[in-house]
C-alpha atoms as a PDB file:
ATOM      1  CA  MET A   1       0.000   0.000   0.000  1.00  0.00           C
ATOM      2  CA  GLY A   2       1.188   3.514  -0.791  1.00  0.00           C
ATOM      3  CA  TYR A   3       1.418   6.781   1.134  1.00  0.00           C
ATOM      4  CA  ASP A   4      -1.791   8.767   1.690  1.00  0.00           C
ATOM      5  CA  VAL A   5      -1.782  11.713  -0.728  1.00  0.00           C
ATOM      6  CA  ALA A   6      -3.140  13.991   2.022  1.00  0.00           C
ATOM      7  CA  ARG A   7       0.126  13.648   3.945  1.00  0.00           C
ATOM      8  CA  PHE A   8       2.146  15.485   1.286  1.00  0.00           C
ATOM      9  CA  GLU A   9       2.894  19.194   1.076  1.00  0.00           C
ATOM     10  CA  GLY A  10       1.695  20.680  -2.224  1.00  0.00           C
ATOM     11  CA  SER A  11       0.298  18.807  -5.188  1.00  0.00           C
ATOM     12  CA  VAL A  12       1.403  15.343  -6.280  1.00  0.00           C
ATOM     13  CA  ASP A  13       1.786  14.482  -9.982  1.00  0.00           C
ATOM     14  CA  GLU A  14      -0.653  11.744 -11.027  1.00  0.00           C
ATOM     15  CA  GLU A  15       2.248   9.773 -12.519  1.00  0.00           C
ATOM     16  CA  LEU A  16       3.435   9.211  -8.956  1.00  0.00           C
ATOM     17  CA  VAL A  17       0.104   7.760  -7.812  1.00  0.00           C
ATOM     18  CA  CYS A  18      -0.580   4.013  -7.796  1.00  0.00           C
ATOM     19  CA  PRO A  19      -3.562   3.121 -10.043  1.00  0.00           C
ATOM     20  CA  ILE A  20      -4.573   0.348  -7.635  1.00  0.00           C
ATOM     21  CA  CYS A  21      -4.618   2.023  -4.194  1.00  0.00           C
ATOM     22  CA  SER A  22      -4.744   5.670  -5.377  1.00  0.00           C
ATOM     23  CA  ALA A  23      -1.919   6.533  -2.966  1.00  0.00           C
ATOM     24  CA  VAL A  24       1.598   7.790  -3.663  1.00  0.00           C
ATOM     25  CA  LEU A  25       3.842   4.954  -4.870  1.00  0.00           C
ATOM     26  CA  GLU A  26       5.644   2.961  -2.188  1.00  0.00           C
ATOM     27  CA  ASP A  27       8.512   0.660  -3.220  1.00  0.00           C
ATOM     28  CA  PRO A  28       7.270   0.939  -6.844  1.00  0.00           C
ATOM     29  CA  ARG A  29       7.496  -1.715  -9.547  1.00  0.00           C
ATOM     30  CA  LEU A  30       7.108  -1.362 -13.308  1.00  0.00           C
ATOM     31  CA  ALA A  31       5.069  -3.550 -15.697  1.00  0.00           C
ATOM     32  CA  PRO A  32       7.455  -4.984 -18.339  1.00  0.00           C
ATOM     33  CA  GLU A  33       5.840  -3.762 -21.588  1.00  0.00           C
ATOM     34  CA  CYS A  34       3.377  -0.953 -20.869  1.00  0.00           C
ATOM     35  CA  GLU A  35       5.640   0.476 -18.096  1.00  0.00           C
ATOM     36  CA  HIS A  36       2.799   1.364 -15.754  1.00  0.00           C
ATOM     37  CA  ALA A  37       4.020   1.831 -12.179  1.00  0.00           C
ATOM     38  CA  PHE A  38       2.400   0.368  -9.050  1.00  0.00           C
ATOM     39  CA  CYS A  39       3.185  -0.082  -5.364  1.00  0.00           C
ATOM     40  CA  ARG A  40       5.012  -3.362  -4.957  1.00  0.00           C
ATOM     41  CA  GLU A  41       2.521  -4.857  -2.489  1.00  0.00           C
ATOM     42  CA  CYS A  42      -0.457  -3.676  -4.561  1.00  0.00           C
ATOM     43  CA  ILE A  43       0.671  -5.217  -7.857  1.00  0.00           C
ATOM     44  CA  LEU A  44       1.809  -8.492  -6.272  1.00  0.00           C
ATOM     45  CA  GLU A  45      -1.575  -8.891  -4.568  1.00  0.00           C
ATOM     46  CA  TRP A  46      -3.355  -8.031  -7.855  1.00  0.00           C
ATOM     47  CA  ILE A  47      -1.318 -10.569  -9.871  1.00  0.00           C
ATOM     48  CA  ARG A  48      -2.132 -13.312  -7.359  1.00  0.00           C
ATOM     49  CA  HIS A  49      -5.776 -12.968  -8.359  1.00  0.00           C
ATOM     50  CA  GLN A  50      -5.464 -11.787 -11.958  1.00  0.00           C
ATOM     51  CA  PRO A  51      -2.133 -11.862 -13.888  1.00  0.00           C
ATOM     52  CA  THR A  52      -2.810  -8.800 -16.000  1.00  0.00           C
ATOM     53  CA  CYS A  53      -1.930  -5.103 -15.880  1.00  0.00           C
ATOM     54  CA  PRO A  54      -4.691  -3.237 -13.976  1.00  0.00           C
ATOM     55  CA  VAL A  55      -4.528  -0.376 -16.509  1.00  0.00           C
ATOM     56  CA  ASP A  56      -4.451  -1.987 -19.980  1.00  0.00           C
ATOM     57  CA  ARG A  57      -5.030  -5.703 -19.134  1.00  0.00           C
ATOM     58  CA  ARG A  58      -1.812  -6.949 -20.722  1.00  0.00           C
ATOM     59  CA  ASN A  59      -0.600 -10.264 -19.324  1.00  0.00           C
ATOM     60  CA  ILE A  60       2.161  -9.930 -16.686  1.00  0.00           C
ATOM     61  CA  SER A  61       3.716 -12.141 -14.003  1.00  0.00           C
ATOM     62  CA  ALA A  62       5.554 -11.332 -10.781  1.00  0.00           C
ATOM     63  CA  PRO A  63       9.050 -12.285 -12.079  1.00  0.00           C
ATOM     64  CA  GLU A  64       8.583  -9.854 -14.999  1.00  0.00           C
ATOM     65  CA  LEU A  65       8.149  -6.818 -12.753  1.00  0.00           C
ATOM     66  CA  LYS A  66      11.171  -4.507 -12.633  1.00  0.00           C
ATOM     67  CA  PRO A  67      12.340  -1.453 -10.650  1.00  0.00           C
ATOM     68  CA  VAL A  68      11.198   1.964 -11.825  1.00  0.00           C
ATOM     69  CA  PRO A  69      13.673   4.272 -13.633  1.00  0.00           C
ATOM     70  CA  ARG A  70      15.965   6.515 -11.585  1.00  0.00           C
ATOM     71  CA  ILE A  71      14.156   9.664 -12.745  1.00  0.00           C
ATOM     72  CA  LEU A  72      10.872   8.413 -11.259  1.00  0.00           C
ATOM     73  CA  LYS A  73      12.613   7.539  -7.998  1.00  0.00           C
ATOM     74  CA  ASN A  74      14.117  11.029  -7.838  1.00  0.00           C
ATOM     75  CA  LEU A  75      10.687  12.600  -8.351  1.00  0.00           C
ATOM     76  CA  LEU A  76       9.289  10.507  -5.508  1.00  0.00           C
ATOM     77  CA  TYR A  77      12.199  11.275  -3.182  1.00  0.00           C
ATOM     78  CA  ARG A  78      11.741  15.043  -3.692  1.00  0.00           C
ATOM     79  CA  LEU A  79       8.171  14.944  -2.389  1.00  0.00           C
ATOM     80  CA  GLU A  80       7.740  16.395   1.094  1.00  0.00           C
ATOM     81  CA  ILE A  81       5.697  14.302   3.511  1.00  0.00           C
ATOM     82  CA  ARG A  82       4.508  14.757   7.079  1.00  0.00           C
ATOM     83  CA  CYS A  83       5.797  12.352   9.707  1.00  0.00           C
ATOM     84  CA  ASP A  84       3.975   9.069  10.433  1.00  0.00           C
ATOM     85  CA  ASN A  85       3.696  10.268  14.030  1.00  0.00           C
ATOM     86  CA  GLU A  86       1.750  13.435  13.221  1.00  0.00           C
ATOM     87  CA  GLU A  87      -1.193  12.230  15.335  1.00  0.00           C
ATOM     88  CA  TYR A  88       1.172  11.876  18.314  1.00  0.00           C
ATOM     89  CA  GLY A  89       2.370  15.468  18.045  1.00  0.00           C
ATOM     90  CA  CYS A  90       5.179  15.459  15.467  1.00  0.00           C
ATOM     91  CA  SER A  91       4.979  18.412  13.068  1.00  0.00           C
ATOM     92  CA  VAL A  92       8.109  17.625  11.026  1.00  0.00           C
ATOM     93  CA  VAL A  93       7.948  17.554   7.207  1.00  0.00           C
ATOM     94  CA  VAL A  94      10.756  15.665   5.438  1.00  0.00           C
ATOM     95  CA  LYS A  95      11.744  14.486   1.984  1.00  0.00           C
ATOM     96  CA  LEU A  96      10.201  11.093   1.245  1.00  0.00           C
ATOM     97  CA  ASP A  97      13.578   9.313   1.074  1.00  0.00           C
ATOM     98  CA  LEU A  98      14.438  10.587   4.595  1.00  0.00           C
ATOM     99  CA  LEU A  99      11.154   9.457   6.151  1.00  0.00           C
ATOM    100  CA  PRO A 100      12.312   5.984   7.389  1.00  0.00           C
ATOM    101  CA  SER A 101      15.354   7.379   9.232  1.00  0.00           C
ATOM    102  CA  HIS A 102      13.328  10.210  10.750  1.00  0.00           C
ATOM    103  CA  VAL A 103      10.538   7.898  11.970  1.00  0.00           C
ATOM    104  CA  LYS A 104      13.099   5.620  13.607  1.00  0.00           C
ATOM    105  CA  GLU A 105      14.521   8.489  15.672  1.00  0.00           C
ATOM    106  CA  CYS A 106      11.339  10.549  16.040  1.00  0.00           C
ATOM    107  CA  GLU A 107      10.694  11.544  19.656  1.00  0.00           C
ATOM    108  CA  HIS A 108       6.948  11.138  19.078  1.00  0.00           C
ATOM    109  CA  ASN A 109       7.288   7.575  17.730  1.00  0.00           C
ATOM    110  CA  PRO A 110       5.338   5.375  20.180  1.00  0.00           C
ATOM    111  CA  LYS A 111       7.414   2.344  19.192  1.00  0.00           C
ATOM    112  CA  LYS A 112      10.792   4.010  19.655  1.00  0.00           C
ATOM    113  CA  PRO A 113      12.947   1.803  21.932  1.00  0.00           C
ATOM    114  CA  VAL A 114      13.783   3.503  25.233  1.00  0.00           C
ATOM    115  CA  ALA A 115      15.712   2.362  28.297  1.00  0.00           C
ATOM    116  CA  CYS A 116      13.710   1.458  31.374  1.00  0.00           C
ATOM    117  CA  THR A 117      13.863   4.222  33.975  1.00  0.00           C
ATOM    118  CA  LYS A 118      13.138   1.842  36.859  1.00  0.00           C
ATOM    119  CA  GLY A 119      16.554   0.242  36.851  1.00  0.00           C
ATOM    120  CA  CYS A 120      16.130  -3.198  35.231  1.00  0.00           C
ATOM    121  CA  GLY A 121      18.321  -2.235  32.266  1.00  0.00           C
ATOM    122  CA  LEU A 122      15.910  -3.494  29.604  1.00  0.00           C
ATOM    123  CA  THR A 123      14.881  -1.595  26.484  1.00  0.00           C
ATOM    124  CA  VAL A 124      11.167  -1.456  25.637  1.00  0.00           C
ATOM    125  CA  PRO A 125       8.937   0.390  23.139  1.00  0.00           C
ATOM    126  CA  LYS A 126       7.978   3.841  24.388  1.00  0.00           C
ATOM    127  CA  ASP A 127       4.212   3.160  24.388  1.00  0.00           C
ATOM    128  CA  GLU A 128       4.712   0.002  26.491  1.00  0.00           C
ATOM    129  CA  MET A 129       6.707   1.721  29.229  1.00  0.00           C
ATOM    130  CA  ILE A 130       3.607   2.455  31.344  1.00  0.00           C
ATOM    131  CA  GLU A 131       2.716  -1.242  31.526  1.00  0.00           C
ATOM    132  CA  HIS A 132       6.333  -2.371  31.830  1.00  0.00           C
ATOM    133  CA  ASN A 133       6.970  -4.534  34.900  1.00  0.00           C
ATOM    134  CA  CYS A 134      10.675  -5.040  35.618  1.00  0.00           C
ATOM    135  CA  VAL A 135      10.226  -8.121  37.802  1.00  0.00           C
ATOM    136  CA  ARG A 136       7.897  -9.801  35.311  1.00  0.00           C
ATOM    137  CA  GLU A 137      10.186  -9.088  32.353  1.00  0.00           C
ATOM    138  CA  LEU A 138      13.309 -10.253  34.162  1.00  0.00           C
ATOM    139  CA  ARG A 139      11.568 -13.433  35.256  1.00  0.00           C
ATOM    140  CA  ALA A 140      10.538 -14.047  31.671  1.00  0.00           C
ATOM    141  CA  GLN A 141      14.147 -13.574  30.559  1.00  0.00           C
ATOM    142  CA  VAL A 142      15.428 -15.915  33.256  1.00  0.00           C
ATOM    143  CA  LYS A 143      12.843 -18.517  32.248  1.00  0.00           C
ATOM    144  CA  ASP A 144      13.789 -18.169  28.581  1.00  0.00           C
ATOM    145  CA  GLN A 145      17.515 -18.506  29.347  1.00  0.00           C
ATOM    146  CA  SER A 146      16.821 -21.475  31.596  1.00  0.00           C
ATOM    147  CA  GLU A 147      14.893 -23.227  28.819  1.00  0.00           C
ATOM    148  CA  LYS A 148      17.721 -22.553  26.361  1.00  0.00           C
ATOM    149  CA  LEU A 149      20.263 -23.880  28.875  1.00  0.00           C
ATOM    150  CA  ASN A 150      18.226 -27.042  29.483  1.00  0.00           C
ATOM    151  CA  LYS A 151      17.933 -27.562  25.737  1.00  0.00           C
ATOM    152  CA  PHE A 152      21.683 -27.077  25.307  1.00  0.00           C
ATOM    153  CA  GLN A 153      22.441 -29.509  28.141  1.00  0.00           C
ATOM    154  CA  GLN A 154      20.150 -32.107  26.557  1.00  0.00           C
ATOM    155  CA  GLU A 155      21.885 -31.670  23.216  1.00  0.00           C
ATOM    156  CA  MET A 156      25.282 -32.086  24.911  1.00  0.00           C
ATOM    157  CA  CYS A 157      24.029 -35.210  26.644  1.00  0.00           C
ATOM    158  CA  ASP A 158      22.813 -36.614  23.315  1.00  0.00           C
ATOM    159  CA  MET A 159      26.170 -35.796  21.703  1.00  0.00           C
ATOM    160  CA  ARG A 160      28.098 -37.505  24.499  1.00  0.00           C
ATOM    161  CA  TYR A 161      25.921 -40.584  24.134  1.00  0.00           C
ATOM    162  CA  ALA A 162      26.448 -40.591  20.364  1.00  0.00           C
ATOM    163  CA  LEU A 163      30.228 -40.246  20.812  1.00  0.00           C
ATOM    164  CA  THR A 164      30.257 -43.083  23.334  1.00  0.00           C
ATOM    165  CA  GLU A 165      28.402 -45.286  20.874  1.00  0.00           C
ATOM    166  CA  GLN A 166      30.795 -44.354  18.092  1.00  0.00           C
ATOM    167  CA  LYS A 167      33.809 -45.158  20.274  1.00  0.00           C
ATOM    168  CA  ARG A 168      32.249 -48.506  21.180  1.00  0.00           C
ATOM    169  CA  GLU A 169      31.629 -49.323  17.527  1.00  0.00           C
ATOM    170  CA  ILE A 170      35.181 -48.307  16.581  1.00  0.00           C
ATOM    171  CA  HIS A 171      36.563 -50.488  19.374  1.00  0.00           C
ATOM    172  CA  LEU A 172      34.496 -53.457  18.178  1.00  0.00           C
ATOM    173  CA  LEU A 173      35.630 -52.846  14.618  1.00  0.00           C
ATOM    174  CA  LYS A 174      39.292 -52.776  15.694  1.00  0.00           C
ATOM    175  CA  GLU A 175      38.824 -56.012  17.613  1.00  0.00           C
ATOM    176  CA  LEU A 176      37.171 -57.570  14.563  1.00  0.00           C
ATOM    177  CA  VAL A 177      40.012 -56.466  12.274  1.00  0.00           C
ATOM    178  CA  LYS A 178      42.561 -57.754  14.784  1.00  0.00           C
ATOM    179  CA  ALA A 179      40.832 -61.136  14.945  1.00  0.00           C
ATOM    180  CA  MET A 180      40.648 -61.312  11.139  1.00  0.00           C
ATOM    181  CA  ARG A 181      44.362 -60.579  10.846  1.00  0.00           C
ATOM    182  CA  ILE A 182      45.204 -63.277  13.377  1.00  0.00           C
ATOM    183  CA  SER A 183      42.982 -65.822  11.667  1.00  0.00           C
ATOM    184  CA  ASN A 184      44.068 -64.822   8.155  1.00  0.00           C
ATOM    185  CA  PRO A 185      47.707 -63.637   7.843  1.00  0.00           C
ATOM    186  CA  ASN A 186      47.192 -63.041   4.119  1.00  0.00           C
ATOM    187  CA  ALA A 187      44.743 -60.239   4.923  1.00  0.00           C
ATOM    188  CA  ARG A 188      47.514 -58.326   6.724  1.00  0.00           C
ATOM    189  CA  ALA A 189      49.837 -58.848   3.787  1.00  0.00           C
ATOM    190  CA  LEU A 190      47.150 -57.549   1.419  1.00  0.00           C
ATOM    191  CA  ALA A 191      46.577 -54.466   3.581  1.00  0.00           C
ATOM    192  CA  ASP A 192      50.326 -53.793   3.701  1.00  0.00           C
ATOM    193  CA  GLN A 193      50.528 -54.108  -0.076  1.00  0.00           C
ATOM    194  CA  MET A 194      47.642 -51.654  -0.521  1.00  0.00           C
ATOM    195  CA  GLU A 195      49.395 -49.144   1.748  1.00  0.00           C
ATOM    196  CA  ASP A 196      52.640 -49.583  -0.190  1.00  0.00           C
ATOM    197  CA  ASP A 197      50.796 -48.997  -3.458  1.00  0.00           C
ATOM    198  CA  ASP A 198      49.355 -45.751  -2.037  1.00  0.00           C
ATOM    199  CA  VAL A 199      52.872 -44.577  -1.194  1.00  0.00           C
ATOM    200  CA  VAL A 200      54.179 -45.368  -4.676  1.00  0.00           C
ATOM    201  CA  ARG A 201      51.262 -43.578  -6.336  1.00  0.00           C
ATOM    202  CA  TRP A 202      51.709 -40.507  -4.157  1.00  0.00           C
ATOM    203  CA  ALA A 203      55.474 -40.352  -4.708  1.00  0.00           C
ATOM    204  CA  ALA A 204      54.923 -40.465  -8.468  1.00  0.00           C
ATOM    205  CA  THR A 205      52.803 -37.295  -8.268  1.00  0.00           C
ATOM    206  CA  LEU A 206      55.675 -35.239  -6.826  1.00  0.00           C
ATOM    207  CA  PRO A 207      58.069 -33.560  -9.298  1.00  0.00           C
ATOM    208  CA  ARG A 208      61.652 -34.794  -9.502  1.00  0.00           C
ATOM    209  CA  ALA A 209      64.115 -32.441  -7.834  1.00  0.00           C
ATOM    210  CA  ARG A 210      67.854 -31.858  -8.085  1.00  0.00           C
ATOM    211  CA  VAL A 211      69.855 -30.807  -5.055  1.00  0.00           C
ATOM    212  CA  ALA A 212      72.434 -28.283  -6.231  1.00  0.00           C
ATOM    213  CA  ARG A 213      73.901 -27.558  -2.782  1.00  0.00           C
ATOM    214  CA  TRP A 214      74.087 -30.565  -0.497  1.00  0.00           C
ATOM    215  CA  GLY A 215      76.040 -28.398   1.934  1.00  0.00           C
ATOM    216  CA  GLY A 216      72.815 -26.476   2.661  1.00  0.00           C
ATOM    217  CA  MET A 217      71.256 -29.530   4.314  1.00  0.00           C
ATOM    218  CA  ILE A 218      69.603 -28.852   7.705  1.00  0.00           C
ATOM    219  CA  SER A 219      70.186 -32.032   9.708  1.00  0.00           C
ATOM    220  CA  THR A 220      68.390 -30.842  12.883  1.00  0.00           C
ATOM    221  CA  PRO A 221      65.329 -28.788  11.815  1.00  0.00           C
ATOM    222  CA  ASP A 222      63.424 -26.935  14.537  1.00  0.00           C
ATOM    223  CA  ALA A 223      59.785 -27.605  15.442  1.00  0.00           C
ATOM    224  CA  VAL A 224      58.383 -24.655  13.459  1.00  0.00           C
ATOM    225  CA  LEU A 225      60.198 -25.688  10.277  1.00  0.00           C
ATOM    226  CA  GLN A 226      59.092 -29.302  10.721  1.00  0.00           C
ATOM    227  CA  ALA A 227      55.466 -28.189  11.171  1.00  0.00           C
ATOM    228  CA  MET A 228      55.610 -26.222   7.898  1.00  0.00           C
ATOM    229  CA  ILE A 229      57.048 -29.197   5.999  1.00  0.00           C
ATOM    230  CA  LYS A 230      54.501 -31.575   7.558  1.00  0.00           C
ATOM    231  CA  ARG A 231      51.636 -29.325   6.473  1.00  0.00           C
ATOM    232  CA  SER A 232      53.009 -29.259   2.909  1.00  0.00           C
ATOM    233  CA  LEU A 233      53.258 -33.057   2.890  1.00  0.00           C
ATOM    234  CA  LYS A 234      49.615 -33.383   3.928  1.00  0.00           C
ATOM    235  CA  GLU A 235      48.505 -30.841   1.325  1.00  0.00           C
ATOM    236  CA  SER A 236      50.387 -32.790  -1.360  1.00  0.00           C
ATOM    237  CA  GLY A 237      48.270 -35.883  -0.631  1.00  0.00           C
ATOM    238  CA  CYS A 238      50.853 -37.850   1.340  1.00  0.00           C
ATOM    239  CA  PRO A 239      49.239 -41.045   2.746  1.00  0.00           C
ATOM    240  CA  SER A 240      48.311 -40.323   6.357  1.00  0.00           C
ATOM    241  CA  HIS A 241      49.922 -43.507   7.703  1.00  0.00           C
ATOM    242  CA  ILE A 242      53.436 -42.361   6.734  1.00  0.00           C
ATOM    243  CA  VAL A 243      53.305 -38.576   7.353  1.00  0.00           C
ATOM    244  CA  THR A 244      54.462 -38.761  10.973  1.00  0.00           C
ATOM    245  CA  GLU A 245      57.121 -41.355  10.199  1.00  0.00           C
ATOM    246  CA  LEU A 246      58.500 -39.295   7.332  1.00  0.00           C
ATOM    247  CA  MET A 247      58.744 -36.215   9.548  1.00  0.00           C
ATOM    248  CA  GLU A 248      60.549 -38.198  12.242  1.00  0.00           C
ATOM    249  CA  ASN A 249      63.001 -39.180   9.521  1.00  0.00           C
ATOM    250  CA  ALA A 250      63.719 -35.479   8.905  1.00  0.00           C
ATOM    251  CA  HIS A 251      66.165 -35.443  11.857  1.00  0.00           C
ATOM    252  CA  GLU A 252      69.646 -36.943  11.649  1.00  0.00           C
ATOM    253  CA  ARG A 253      68.979 -39.092  14.730  1.00  0.00           C
ATOM    254  CA  ARG A 254      66.634 -41.181  12.528  1.00  0.00           C
ATOM    255  CA  TRP A 255      68.850 -41.211   9.447  1.00  0.00           C
ATOM    256  CA  PRO A 256      70.515 -44.452   8.306  1.00  0.00           C
ATOM    257  CA  PRO A 257      74.150 -45.183   9.299  1.00  0.00           C
ATOM    258  CA  GLY A 258      75.579 -43.696   6.113  1.00  0.00           C
ATOM    259  CA  LEU A 259      74.109 -40.244   6.947  1.00  0.00           C
ATOM    260  CA  GLN A 260      74.078 -40.053  10.731  1.00  0.00           C
ATOM    261  CA  THR A 261      77.152 -37.894  11.271  1.00  0.00           C
ATOM    262  CA  LEU A 262      78.818 -35.048   9.430  1.00  0.00           C
ATOM    263  CA  GLU A 263      81.873 -37.236   8.850  1.00  0.00           C
ATOM    264  CA  THR A 264      79.893 -40.110   7.296  1.00  0.00           C
ATOM    265  CA  ARG A 265      77.937 -37.664   5.130  1.00  0.00           C
ATOM    266  CA  GLN A 266      81.181 -36.199   3.798  1.00  0.00           C
ATOM    267  CA  MET A 267      82.539 -39.683   3.091  1.00  0.00           C
ATOM    268  CA  ASN A 268      79.355 -40.843   1.324  1.00  0.00           C
ATOM    269  CA  ARG A 269      78.579 -37.673  -0.626  1.00  0.00           C
ATOM    270  CA  ARG A 270      79.061 -39.341  -4.016  1.00  0.00           C
ATOM    271  CA  MET A 271      76.574 -42.006  -2.983  1.00  0.00           C
ATOM    272  CA  TYR A 272      73.775 -39.722  -1.810  1.00  0.00           C
ATOM    273  CA  GLU A 273      74.219 -37.563  -4.890  1.00  0.00           C
ATOM    274  CA  GLN A 274      72.674 -40.571  -6.670  1.00  0.00           C
ATOM    275  CA  TYR A 275      69.418 -40.268  -4.703  1.00  0.00           C
ATOM    276  CA  VAL A 276      66.169 -39.951  -6.627  1.00  0.00           C
ATOM    277  CA  CYS A 277      64.718 -36.884  -4.902  1.00  0.00           C
ATOM    278  CA  ARG A 278      61.206 -35.527  -5.140  1.00  0.00           C
ATOM    279  CA  ARG A 279      60.334 -31.905  -4.318  1.00  0.00           C
ATOM    280  CA  ILE A 280      57.990 -31.139  -1.418  1.00  0.00           C
ATOM    281  CA  PRO A 281      55.748 -28.531  -3.087  1.00  0.00           C
ATOM    282  CA  GLY A 282      56.622 -24.934  -2.294  1.00  0.00           C
ATOM    283  CA  LYS A 283      59.463 -25.784   0.108  1.00  0.00           C
ATOM    284  CA  GLN A 284      63.258 -26.049   0.051  1.00  0.00           C
ATOM    285  CA  ALA A 285      62.876 -29.712   0.953  1.00  0.00           C
ATOM    286  CA  VAL A 286      62.794 -33.117  -0.729  1.00  0.00           C
ATOM    287  CA  VAL A 287      61.663 -36.635   0.073  1.00  0.00           C
ATOM    288  CA  VAL A 288      63.966 -39.542  -0.732  1.00  0.00           C
ATOM    289  CA  MET A 289      61.519 -42.440  -0.908  1.00  0.00           C
ATOM    290  CA  ALA A 290      62.658 -46.037  -0.491  1.00  0.00           C
ATOM    291  CA  CYS A 291      60.400 -47.076  -3.383  1.00  0.00           C
ATOM    292  CA  ASP A 292      62.352 -44.736  -5.716  1.00  0.00           C
ATOM    293  CA  ASN A 293      65.820 -45.692  -4.462  1.00  0.00           C
ATOM    294  CA  SER A 294      66.146 -49.456  -4.660  1.00  0.00           C
ATOM    295  CA  HIS A 295      69.550 -48.850  -6.329  1.00  0.00           C
ATOM    296  CA  ILE A 296      70.889 -47.307  -3.102  1.00  0.00           C
ATOM    297  CA  SER A 297      72.481 -49.462  -0.397  1.00  0.00           C
ATOM    298  CA  ASP A 298      70.541 -50.135   2.817  1.00  0.00           C
ATOM    299  CA  ASP A 299      72.846 -48.019   4.965  1.00  0.00           C
ATOM    300  CA  MET A 300      71.891 -44.938   2.890  1.00  0.00           C
ATOM    301  CA  ILE A 301      68.076 -45.224   2.845  1.00  0.00           C
ATOM    302  CA  GLN A 302      65.295 -45.525   5.413  1.00  0.00           C
ATOM    303  CA  GLU A 303      61.740 -46.899   5.160  1.00  0.00           C
ATOM    304  CA  PRO A 304      59.423 -45.418   4.012  1.00  0.00           C
ATOM    305  CA  GLY A 305      61.769 -42.575   3.113  1.00  0.00           C
ATOM    306  CA  LEU A 306      63.800 -39.583   4.264  1.00  0.00           C
ATOM    307  CA  VAL A 307      62.816 -35.940   4.462  1.00  0.00           C
ATOM    308  CA  MET A 308      65.754 -33.636   3.735  1.00  0.00           C
ATOM    309  CA  ILE A 309      65.350 -29.924   4.412  1.00  0.00           C
ATOM    310  CA  PHE A 310      67.731 -27.371   2.918  1.00  0.00           C
ATOM    311  CA  ALA A 311      68.477 -23.703   3.455  1.00  0.00           C
ATOM    312  CA  HIS A 312      68.829 -23.319  -0.333  1.00  0.00           C
ATOM    313  CA  GLY A 313      69.852 -25.183  -3.474  1.00  0.00           C
ATOM    314  CA  ILE A 314      66.730 -27.143  -4.547  1.00  0.00           C
ATOM    315  CA  GLU A 315      66.016 -27.092  -8.279  1.00  0.00           C
END
């Protein structure tokens, strides 16, 4: 429904009046072909009963309605209208586009939120202040919060029960798998082979890398650096069952005999220069996977592989 014409100062052009409610257009919409303008609520209600233009009877549907041109909006916004709260004593006249903001702050607005003057701290509509009862309202709030708390506690109880059931089912499943492995050793071998195949497939997705400066090797990486490399491994799709083991193999204390000390590394440099290395994406680090390095002696490789971190020199 539109704005009552009587509320406006001066005359109102008939082009700004809704043909349905005979009031000044409110949130106007335009018919697609004939371009007649109507209040949004008026035309939507009309179309629900009869999908035609009220003026020339052309067929229209709700999705076809479109906003009015800017020039028509500007003409509407320039109209001067008296406040909604005129009957409550407000004598202000404002431009139509400023009406919503004025009404919200209008001192005569009976629904304007105001703070309770009796000390409860609540905010209530101005016209309800006379009937406002602090004790009653606070009790209602306490009751509402209590109901929400009880509901939350019930939900937590249900979640704990569900988690307990899940843990029980996981435990039973582990026991079942354990029993199957004991009764059928071949099943364990098959599972191991599947895990090995996952490792080979993942390693093949990493690009080959060349270490140009073996002297830049960091044999004792700190925790922050290890965390960064571990995150990159996970993001690259590294099988979850070897991520932790690979990162443990990033420290010289877990390296094979041929790499454990600076002296042995210097002696065996020609041997580890033959490693097949794969780049850890985005990092100055490589993995030397056992599946790629069957040509390397056992004292120079570690299952499932080594993580080597460098300060520089990875190509």
